[in-house]
Amino acid sequence: NPPYMRTSFEKIHKQRFGFVVTDRDLVVEAISVEAIGKMGERQDPLTETKNEPIIIRPLDTVNIFTNDTHYITPLFKRCSLVPKQKIVGPAIILESTTTTVIEPGWQAQCSKHGYLILERITELQKKNVTSAEADPIMLEVFNNLFMSIAEQMGATLANTAYSVNIKERLNFSCAIFDPKGNLVANAPHLPVHLGSMGESIKTIINQNKGKIKPGDVFALNAPYNGGTHLPDVTVITPTFNKQKNKILFYVGARGHHADIGGRTPGSAPPDSKTIEEEGVLIDNFLIVENFKLKTKKILNLLKTGKYPCRNPKQNLADLRAQIAANETGVTELKKMVENYGLEVVQAYMVHVQDNAEESVRRVIDVLKDGKFTYLLDNGSKICIKIKTNRKKRRATLDFTGTSPQDSGNYNAPTAVTKAAVLYVFRTLVNDDIPLNEGCLKPIDLIIPKGSMISPEYPAAVISGNTEISQCITDALFGALNILASSQGTMNNFVYGNDTYQNYETICGGTGAGPDHDGTDAVHSHMTNTRMTDPEVLEWRFPVRVEEFSIRKGSGGVGRFKGGNGVKRKLTFLEKMTATTLSSHRKTSPYGLNGGNSGSRG
């Protein structure tokens, strides 16, 4: 029955991915047939029965602790039980190969065939959190619940994405937000994504007041509206109440698309001057309406502009995966509301932010004032001055003196600057809390407009997300005098042609601290991606990995050593355009307190 098959398929598709595709034919790829035949039943022999169950005495008693209570618990031998015999918990039944624990509220009964049947005889008392007041134990529970939902979103995205960059390198981030668009919790994905995604959510909220409906999903990559750089596309899904008249939460999935257009394959032209040269700009675009994916409009958008996307079908496949990831978040948030109640869940969304705020205030209580000037290869500089107010338990971060907006693409949108600050202060907190909006509440930011960390349209920004975010981070650690410079670059290596496009960030060393060496060959600070496995890389692309090794002796020498960088050599098996975006080729990663600098790239 084809109509029934389509209806059933679309129902399950909507449940799993959050939308249906109405303009595509279905392909029946496999059919399974199940046949059930009735055969003669084999009965175990009956156990000897008695008119009345005998009374058996326990062998002994032991003290067990269960359900927050100590119980004096009887021990019985399994072989002593007869049909109709009932043992009410708490009890323990022993046999040569098994120990069966009968919990309070359960009973065990011996059947006529000698089976031990366990059943609950008293209703399970459900422990409900009825108070919206902050409780230390429940705060920890909700911290982990919120983070777990974001992690489940990430698992869905990795499993359903098409591109190597998202599926294998895990170049994506997922998070949940409160009704105002404030970051509540995240999975341990990319800090530069997570700290800036809230700005994108707030853009969608502000530009669609009173117009967002159930079944709507939005996409955005505009750097001046909460985006980072154009390849990072954010998909945003609102979560409505049962009456479908009020938005309770937002979920977001940001993924780095292997190509979003632009002058060079991979959308990272190293010499771009305007945002137009870097690809297709997406701003407040409705990609799902009334649960229907707007396939044609999406493809038309990806084909627009002077430098359209080279592989729009791959973009579409990854956007679908992001929508599916969000649907996982929506489903799990609804389950949480069902379990705990809306008032409690929304209260704890505030509590986890308040807890993060207090955690950062405790850091500020012992923080020392400091300043630092960070020099870039192109002669620009990032200036930071940190001043604390112990009485108010606040810190002011003043970036005055930072170089003006770059004529090239070394510009970081304000959202990226905030993300770097959020990340650094989260690393100073010893408590296991999710990185969220609360971390920024006790911090006042002074970011000069028109500077390279707050550029104005139509400035090019491809390096802002990758290079300047790392520079801001290292500048902050330098001002705090607690961590020497990392490799200070994401080492973007982007290559492709009209058929293939791939994006790598090449790892390096981390800086030494006051009591530890740096780490060799890792992605650090604002990036948190993986390198693609050589087998996958060589299978998906016409490329051969010749060498990937640690660059010995490249970390700075001091009382504690900086981490070493890497060497990576590839051979292309087809003609490719390769571009690099990197730093520390003219300046050296700094050492602190007399320690030597690391080697240049």
Foldseek 3Di string as FASTA:
>chain_A
DVVVVVVVVQVVCCLQQVFGADPDDDDDPDDDDDDDDDDDDDDQDFDDDDPDWDDDDFPAWDWDADPNDIDTEGEAELVNGAAQDKDADQYWYDDDPDIDGHHHQKMWGQHRNGDTDIDGNDDDDADADPDLDDDVVVLVVLLVLQQVLQVQLLVLLLVQADDCCCNFFVQKWKFKFFPQLWTQFTHPAFLLCRLQVSQQVNQLCVVQPPNDFAFWKWKFQDLQRRHWARQWIKIKHFAADPVRPDTGIMMIMTHRHQWLWADFRSQCAQFAQFNLRRHQGGHGGTQTDPSHGPVVVQLVSQQDGPTHTLCSVSVVSSVSSRSSSRSSSNVSVVVVCVRHNSSNSSSSSVVLLQVLLVLLLVVLLPFDWFKFWFAWPVGWIWIWTWDGDNVLSAIEIERPPGAFADSGALATALSSLSSLVLQLSVVSGPDPGGSIPSNCVRYHYHDDDRHSHHNDPGGHHSCNSWQVSLRSNQRVCVGRQFWFRFLRGQWWKWKDDSVDTGIHRWFAWGTAGPPEAIAGGAHDDSHHTRDGDQVVDVVVFQKHWPDWAWDPPQWWDDPHTIYTTIDTDMDGPDDMDIDIDTIQQRPFGGHGPPIHTGHGD
